[in-house]
N, C-alpha and C. Protein backbone atom coordinates (compact mmCIF):
# COMPACT_ATOMS: atom_id res chain seq x y z
N UNK A 1 -38.97 -0.49 -25.03
CA UNK A 1 -38.27 -1.03 -23.89
C UNK A 1 -39.12 -0.85 -22.65
N UNK A 2 -38.95 -1.77 -21.72
CA UNK A 2 -39.73 -1.70 -20.49
C UNK A 2 -39.15 -0.64 -19.57
N UNK A 3 -39.96 -0.27 -18.58
CA UNK A 3 -39.54 0.73 -17.61
C UNK A 3 -38.32 0.24 -16.83
N UNK A 4 -38.27 -1.07 -16.54
CA UNK A 4 -37.16 -1.65 -15.80
C UNK A 4 -35.85 -1.53 -16.59
N UNK A 5 -35.89 -1.72 -17.91
CA UNK A 5 -34.70 -1.60 -18.75
C UNK A 5 -34.21 -0.16 -18.76
N UNK A 6 -35.12 0.81 -18.87
CA UNK A 6 -34.73 2.23 -18.85
C UNK A 6 -34.04 2.60 -17.55
N UNK A 7 -34.58 2.15 -16.44
CA UNK A 7 -33.98 2.45 -15.14
C UNK A 7 -32.60 1.81 -15.05
N UNK A 8 -32.47 0.57 -15.51
CA UNK A 8 -31.18 -0.11 -15.49
C UNK A 8 -30.14 0.61 -16.33
N UNK A 9 -30.55 1.08 -17.53
CA UNK A 9 -29.63 1.82 -18.39
C UNK A 9 -29.22 3.14 -17.75
N UNK A 10 -30.16 3.83 -17.14
CA UNK A 10 -29.86 5.11 -16.49
C UNK A 10 -28.87 4.92 -15.35
N UNK A 11 -29.08 3.88 -14.55
CA UNK A 11 -28.17 3.61 -13.44
C UNK A 11 -26.78 3.27 -13.99
N UNK A 12 -26.71 2.47 -15.04
CA UNK A 12 -25.43 2.10 -15.64
C UNK A 12 -24.68 3.30 -16.17
N UNK A 13 -25.38 4.18 -16.87
CA UNK A 13 -24.76 5.38 -17.43
C UNK A 13 -24.29 6.31 -16.31
N UNK A 14 -25.12 6.49 -15.28
CA UNK A 14 -24.74 7.35 -14.16
C UNK A 14 -23.52 6.80 -13.44
N UNK A 15 -23.48 5.50 -13.24
CA UNK A 15 -22.33 4.89 -12.59
C UNK A 15 -21.07 5.08 -13.41
N UNK A 16 -21.16 4.87 -14.71
CA UNK A 16 -20.01 5.05 -15.59
C UNK A 16 -19.51 6.48 -15.60
N UNK A 17 -20.43 7.45 -15.65
CA UNK A 17 -20.03 8.85 -15.62
C UNK A 17 -19.39 9.23 -14.29
N UNK A 18 -19.94 8.71 -13.20
CA UNK A 18 -19.37 9.01 -11.89
C UNK A 18 -17.94 8.45 -11.78
N UNK A 19 -17.75 7.24 -12.27
CA UNK A 19 -16.41 6.64 -12.22
C UNK A 19 -15.43 7.43 -13.09
N UNK A 20 -15.88 7.86 -14.26
CA UNK A 20 -15.01 8.63 -15.16
C UNK A 20 -14.66 9.98 -14.54
N UNK A 21 -15.61 10.63 -13.90
CA UNK A 21 -15.33 11.94 -13.31
C UNK A 21 -14.37 11.80 -12.12
N UNK A 22 -14.49 10.73 -11.34
CA UNK A 22 -13.55 10.51 -10.24
C UNK A 22 -12.16 10.29 -10.79
N UNK A 23 -12.04 9.48 -11.84
CA UNK A 23 -10.73 9.21 -12.43
C UNK A 23 -10.10 10.49 -12.97
N UNK A 24 -10.89 11.35 -13.59
CA UNK A 24 -10.35 12.59 -14.13
C UNK A 24 -10.00 13.58 -13.02
N UNK A 25 -10.68 13.49 -11.87
CA UNK A 25 -10.44 14.43 -10.78
C UNK A 25 -9.16 14.13 -10.01
N UNK A 26 -8.65 12.92 -10.12
CA UNK A 26 -7.44 12.57 -9.39
C UNK A 26 -6.24 13.29 -10.00
N UNK A 27 -5.39 13.86 -9.17
CA UNK A 27 -4.21 14.53 -9.69
C UNK A 27 -3.22 13.52 -10.25
N UNK A 28 -2.37 13.99 -11.15
CA UNK A 28 -1.35 13.11 -11.72
C UNK A 28 -0.48 12.58 -10.60
N UNK A 29 -0.21 11.29 -10.63
CA UNK A 29 0.62 10.68 -9.62
C UNK A 29 -0.13 10.25 -8.37
N UNK A 30 -1.46 10.47 -8.33
CA UNK A 30 -2.22 10.03 -7.18
C UNK A 30 -2.17 8.52 -7.12
N UNK A 31 -1.99 8.00 -5.93
CA UNK A 31 -1.74 6.58 -5.84
C UNK A 31 -2.73 5.82 -4.98
N UNK A 32 -3.57 6.48 -4.24
CA UNK A 32 -4.51 5.77 -3.41
C UNK A 32 -3.82 5.04 -2.28
N UNK A 33 -4.34 3.86 -1.98
CA UNK A 33 -3.76 3.08 -0.89
C UNK A 33 -3.69 1.61 -1.26
N UNK A 34 -2.83 0.90 -0.57
CA UNK A 34 -2.65 -0.54 -0.80
C UNK A 34 -2.57 -1.22 0.56
N UNK A 35 -3.20 -2.38 0.67
CA UNK A 35 -3.08 -3.22 1.85
C UNK A 35 -2.41 -4.51 1.43
N UNK A 36 -1.37 -4.90 2.18
CA UNK A 36 -0.56 -6.06 1.85
C UNK A 36 -0.49 -6.96 3.08
N UNK A 37 -0.60 -8.26 2.88
CA UNK A 37 -0.45 -9.21 3.98
C UNK A 37 1.02 -9.55 4.16
N UNK A 38 1.43 -9.63 5.41
CA UNK A 38 2.78 -10.06 5.75
C UNK A 38 2.71 -11.58 5.90
N UNK A 39 3.53 -12.30 5.17
CA UNK A 39 3.50 -13.76 5.17
C UNK A 39 4.60 -14.31 6.07
N UNK A 40 4.22 -15.25 6.94
CA UNK A 40 5.20 -15.86 7.82
C UNK A 40 4.55 -16.39 9.07
N UNK A 41 5.25 -16.26 10.19
CA UNK A 41 4.79 -16.77 11.47
C UNK A 41 4.68 -15.63 12.46
N UNK A 42 4.40 -15.99 13.72
CA UNK A 42 4.35 -14.97 14.78
C UNK A 42 5.74 -14.43 15.11
N UNK A 43 6.78 -15.14 14.69
CA UNK A 43 8.16 -14.73 14.96
C UNK A 43 8.80 -13.92 13.84
N UNK A 44 8.35 -14.14 12.62
CA UNK A 44 8.99 -13.52 11.46
C UNK A 44 8.01 -13.48 10.29
N UNK A 45 7.95 -12.35 9.59
CA UNK A 45 7.12 -12.30 8.37
C UNK A 45 7.71 -11.29 7.39
N UNK A 46 7.31 -11.42 6.13
CA UNK A 46 7.78 -10.53 5.08
C UNK A 46 6.64 -10.08 4.19
N UNK A 47 6.73 -8.84 3.71
CA UNK A 47 5.72 -8.28 2.81
C UNK A 47 6.42 -7.62 1.63
N UNK A 48 5.78 -7.64 0.48
CA UNK A 48 6.34 -7.09 -0.74
C UNK A 48 5.36 -6.09 -1.36
N UNK A 49 5.89 -4.92 -1.76
CA UNK A 49 5.08 -3.85 -2.33
C UNK A 49 5.70 -3.42 -3.66
N UNK A 50 4.90 -3.29 -4.69
CA UNK A 50 5.41 -2.88 -6.00
C UNK A 50 5.85 -1.42 -5.99
N UNK A 51 6.96 -1.16 -6.69
CA UNK A 51 7.45 0.21 -6.89
C UNK A 51 7.27 0.66 -8.34
N UNK A 52 6.71 -0.20 -9.16
CA UNK A 52 6.62 0.04 -10.60
C UNK A 52 5.72 1.22 -10.96
N UNK A 53 6.08 1.90 -12.01
CA UNK A 53 5.23 2.93 -12.60
C UNK A 53 5.31 4.30 -12.00
N UNK A 54 5.78 4.43 -10.80
CA UNK A 54 5.89 5.73 -10.17
C UNK A 54 4.57 6.22 -9.59
N UNK A 55 4.63 6.78 -8.41
CA UNK A 55 3.47 7.34 -7.73
C UNK A 55 3.96 8.17 -6.56
N UNK A 56 3.07 8.98 -6.03
CA UNK A 56 3.42 9.74 -4.84
C UNK A 56 2.27 9.63 -3.85
N UNK A 57 2.60 9.68 -2.60
CA UNK A 57 1.62 9.67 -1.51
C UNK A 57 0.74 8.43 -1.49
N UNK A 58 1.30 7.25 -1.76
CA UNK A 58 0.53 6.01 -1.67
C UNK A 58 0.59 5.53 -0.21
N UNK A 59 -0.57 5.40 0.40
CA UNK A 59 -0.63 4.88 1.77
C UNK A 59 -0.57 3.36 1.69
N UNK A 60 0.41 2.77 2.37
CA UNK A 60 0.58 1.32 2.38
C UNK A 60 0.31 0.82 3.80
N UNK A 61 -0.54 -0.19 3.90
CA UNK A 61 -0.84 -0.83 5.17
C UNK A 61 -0.42 -2.29 5.07
N UNK A 62 0.44 -2.72 5.99
CA UNK A 62 0.86 -4.11 6.02
C UNK A 62 0.19 -4.78 7.21
N UNK A 63 -0.56 -5.85 6.91
CA UNK A 63 -1.23 -6.63 7.96
C UNK A 63 -0.23 -7.64 8.50
N UNK A 64 0.24 -7.42 9.72
CA UNK A 64 1.27 -8.25 10.32
C UNK A 64 0.68 -9.55 10.88
N UNK A 65 1.53 -10.55 11.07
CA UNK A 65 1.08 -11.84 11.56
C UNK A 65 0.99 -11.90 13.09
N UNK A 66 1.51 -10.88 13.77
CA UNK A 66 1.46 -10.82 15.23
C UNK A 66 1.64 -9.36 15.65
N UNK A 67 1.58 -9.09 16.94
CA UNK A 67 1.73 -7.72 17.42
C UNK A 67 3.05 -7.50 18.15
N UNK A 68 3.95 -8.47 18.09
CA UNK A 68 5.21 -8.39 18.84
C UNK A 68 6.39 -7.98 17.96
N UNK A 69 6.13 -7.27 16.86
CA UNK A 69 7.20 -6.78 16.00
C UNK A 69 7.48 -5.33 16.37
N UNK A 70 8.71 -4.92 16.23
CA UNK A 70 8.96 -3.52 16.49
C UNK A 70 10.36 -3.33 17.00
N UNK A 71 10.81 -2.13 17.12
CA UNK A 71 10.10 -0.89 16.89
C UNK A 71 10.05 -0.44 15.42
N UNK A 72 10.67 -1.23 14.53
CA UNK A 72 10.69 -0.93 13.10
C UNK A 72 10.91 -2.24 12.34
N UNK A 73 10.74 -2.25 11.02
CA UNK A 73 11.05 -3.47 10.27
C UNK A 73 12.51 -3.89 10.51
N UNK A 74 12.74 -5.20 10.55
CA UNK A 74 14.10 -5.71 10.75
C UNK A 74 14.97 -5.40 9.53
N UNK A 75 14.35 -5.36 8.35
CA UNK A 75 15.09 -5.05 7.12
C UNK A 75 14.13 -4.52 6.06
N UNK A 76 14.66 -3.63 5.23
CA UNK A 76 13.93 -3.11 4.07
C UNK A 76 14.87 -3.24 2.88
N UNK A 77 14.46 -3.96 1.89
CA UNK A 77 15.30 -4.21 0.71
C UNK A 77 14.51 -3.94 -0.57
N UNK A 78 15.24 -3.63 -1.64
CA UNK A 78 14.62 -3.42 -2.94
C UNK A 78 15.04 -4.54 -3.87
N UNK A 79 14.07 -5.11 -4.56
CA UNK A 79 14.36 -6.10 -5.58
C UNK A 79 14.40 -5.35 -6.90
N UNK A 80 15.48 -5.43 -7.58
CA UNK A 80 15.86 -4.76 -8.83
C UNK A 80 16.75 -3.57 -8.47
N UNK A 81 18.04 -3.77 -8.57
CA UNK A 81 19.01 -2.73 -8.19
C UNK A 81 18.78 -1.39 -8.88
N UNK A 82 18.15 -1.38 -10.03
CA UNK A 82 17.90 -0.13 -10.75
C UNK A 82 16.95 0.77 -9.97
N UNK A 83 16.19 0.21 -9.05
CA UNK A 83 15.21 1.00 -8.29
C UNK A 83 15.69 1.33 -6.88
N UNK A 84 16.91 0.98 -6.53
CA UNK A 84 17.36 1.08 -5.14
C UNK A 84 17.30 2.49 -4.56
N UNK A 85 17.47 3.51 -5.35
CA UNK A 85 17.41 4.87 -4.82
C UNK A 85 16.20 5.63 -5.31
N UNK A 86 15.23 4.93 -5.87
CA UNK A 86 14.10 5.60 -6.52
C UNK A 86 12.80 5.46 -5.76
N UNK A 87 12.89 5.51 -4.42
CA UNK A 87 11.68 5.45 -3.61
C UNK A 87 11.95 6.17 -2.29
N UNK A 88 10.88 6.51 -1.59
CA UNK A 88 11.01 7.12 -0.26
C UNK A 88 9.84 6.67 0.60
N UNK A 89 10.13 6.41 1.86
CA UNK A 89 9.11 6.05 2.84
C UNK A 89 9.00 7.21 3.83
N UNK A 90 7.76 7.60 4.13
CA UNK A 90 7.55 8.63 5.14
C UNK A 90 6.41 8.22 6.07
N UNK A 91 6.37 8.83 7.22
CA UNK A 91 5.33 8.60 8.23
C UNK A 91 5.15 7.13 8.61
N UNK A 92 6.23 6.37 8.85
CA UNK A 92 6.05 4.97 9.25
C UNK A 92 5.55 4.87 10.69
N UNK A 93 4.62 3.94 10.94
CA UNK A 93 4.09 3.76 12.29
C UNK A 93 3.37 2.42 12.42
N UNK A 94 3.32 1.92 13.64
CA UNK A 94 2.51 0.75 13.96
C UNK A 94 1.16 1.26 14.45
N UNK A 95 0.08 0.58 14.06
CA UNK A 95 -1.25 0.95 14.53
C UNK A 95 -2.00 -0.31 14.94
N UNK A 96 -3.20 -0.13 15.45
CA UNK A 96 -4.05 -1.24 15.88
C UNK A 96 -3.32 -2.16 16.85
N UNK A 97 -2.64 -1.57 17.84
CA UNK A 97 -1.94 -2.35 18.86
C UNK A 97 -0.73 -3.09 18.33
N UNK A 98 -0.22 -2.69 17.18
CA UNK A 98 0.96 -3.32 16.60
C UNK A 98 0.64 -4.34 15.53
N UNK A 99 -0.63 -4.53 15.19
CA UNK A 99 -0.99 -5.53 14.17
C UNK A 99 -0.91 -4.99 12.75
N UNK A 100 -0.77 -3.67 12.59
CA UNK A 100 -0.64 -3.05 11.27
C UNK A 100 0.60 -2.16 11.25
N UNK A 101 1.31 -2.16 10.14
CA UNK A 101 2.41 -1.23 9.91
C UNK A 101 2.00 -0.36 8.73
N UNK A 102 1.91 0.94 8.94
CA UNK A 102 1.39 1.88 7.94
C UNK A 102 2.46 2.90 7.61
N UNK A 103 2.59 3.24 6.32
CA UNK A 103 3.53 4.28 5.90
C UNK A 103 3.07 4.86 4.57
N UNK A 104 3.69 5.98 4.21
CA UNK A 104 3.43 6.61 2.92
C UNK A 104 4.62 6.31 2.02
N UNK A 105 4.34 5.87 0.81
CA UNK A 105 5.39 5.46 -0.13
C UNK A 105 5.36 6.35 -1.37
N UNK A 106 6.55 6.76 -1.79
CA UNK A 106 6.73 7.54 -3.02
C UNK A 106 7.67 6.74 -3.92
N UNK A 107 7.37 6.68 -5.22
CA UNK A 107 8.17 5.89 -6.14
C UNK A 107 8.39 6.67 -7.44
N UNK A 108 9.59 6.58 -7.99
CA UNK A 108 9.92 7.29 -9.24
C UNK A 108 9.33 6.58 -10.45
N UNK A 109 8.94 7.35 -11.45
CA UNK A 109 8.39 6.78 -12.69
C UNK A 109 9.40 5.89 -13.40
N UNK A 110 10.68 6.12 -13.15
CA UNK A 110 11.72 5.36 -13.83
C UNK A 110 11.90 3.94 -13.28
N UNK A 111 11.20 3.61 -12.20
CA UNK A 111 11.35 2.27 -11.63
C UNK A 111 10.89 1.20 -12.62
N UNK A 112 11.65 0.12 -12.76
CA UNK A 112 11.28 -0.97 -13.68
C UNK A 112 9.98 -1.65 -13.26
N UNK A 113 9.38 -2.34 -14.21
CA UNK A 113 8.09 -3.00 -14.01
C UNK A 113 8.11 -4.01 -12.86
N UNK A 114 9.23 -4.67 -12.65
CA UNK A 114 9.30 -5.71 -11.62
C UNK A 114 9.94 -5.23 -10.31
N UNK A 115 10.16 -3.94 -10.16
CA UNK A 115 10.77 -3.40 -8.93
C UNK A 115 9.81 -3.56 -7.75
N UNK A 116 10.36 -4.05 -6.63
CA UNK A 116 9.56 -4.30 -5.45
C UNK A 116 10.32 -3.88 -4.19
N UNK A 117 9.58 -3.44 -3.22
CA UNK A 117 10.12 -3.13 -1.91
C UNK A 117 9.73 -4.28 -0.99
N UNK A 118 10.72 -4.87 -0.31
CA UNK A 118 10.47 -6.00 0.59
C UNK A 118 10.76 -5.55 2.02
N UNK A 119 9.78 -5.73 2.89
CA UNK A 119 9.93 -5.37 4.30
C UNK A 119 9.86 -6.65 5.13
N UNK A 120 10.86 -6.84 6.00
CA UNK A 120 10.92 -8.02 6.86
C UNK A 120 10.73 -7.60 8.31
N UNK A 121 9.90 -8.34 9.02
CA UNK A 121 9.60 -8.04 10.42
C UNK A 121 10.00 -9.24 11.27
N UNK A 122 10.61 -8.96 12.42
CA UNK A 122 11.07 -10.01 13.32
C UNK A 122 10.60 -9.69 14.73
N UNK A 123 10.19 -10.73 15.47
CA UNK A 123 9.73 -10.53 16.84
C UNK A 123 10.88 -9.99 17.68
N UNK A 124 10.54 -9.14 18.59
CA UNK A 124 11.57 -8.53 19.44
C UNK A 124 10.92 -7.66 20.48
N UNK A 125 11.42 -6.46 20.61
CA UNK A 125 10.89 -5.54 21.59
C UNK A 125 9.47 -5.17 21.23
N UNK A 126 8.60 -5.26 22.20
CA UNK A 126 7.19 -4.92 22.01
C UNK A 126 7.06 -3.45 21.65
N UNK A 127 6.26 -3.16 20.66
CA UNK A 127 6.02 -1.78 20.24
C UNK A 127 5.26 -1.04 21.34
N UNK A 128 5.79 0.10 21.83
CA UNK A 128 5.07 0.83 22.88
C UNK A 128 3.76 1.40 22.36
N UNK A 129 2.77 1.39 23.22
CA UNK A 129 1.46 1.96 22.86
C UNK A 129 1.49 3.44 23.21
N UNK A 130 1.19 4.32 22.23
CA UNK A 130 1.21 5.76 22.50
C UNK A 130 0.14 6.16 23.53
N UNK A 131 0.46 7.13 24.35
CA UNK A 131 -0.49 7.59 25.37
C UNK A 131 -1.22 8.80 24.89
């Protein structure tokens, strides 16, 4: 084999081992983060986040269609009644001048595969900028 093939194989093996070690190092229930687009207009938009499979401490970022939403989502609903009490939202906040809505989401393992959290945003009172 050529020197180039050996280097390519070594890089491939190292990359695979690094990915495997990162996956093994994550604690059970680690969820990482998710970014979701809010679909709609400058007056109203909606975003959907999966609750399936269960996880804890998943950081969710919703990219809003405008900065005039606030001070909180107009509505938060769960699709699939079996999951209605099997989630929790913590640390909700607007960031980037109101263009992002960020929160931490926790979901029970018992949530069905198609369970989703739907957040609706409506234009209204401008979100105050923290000092």
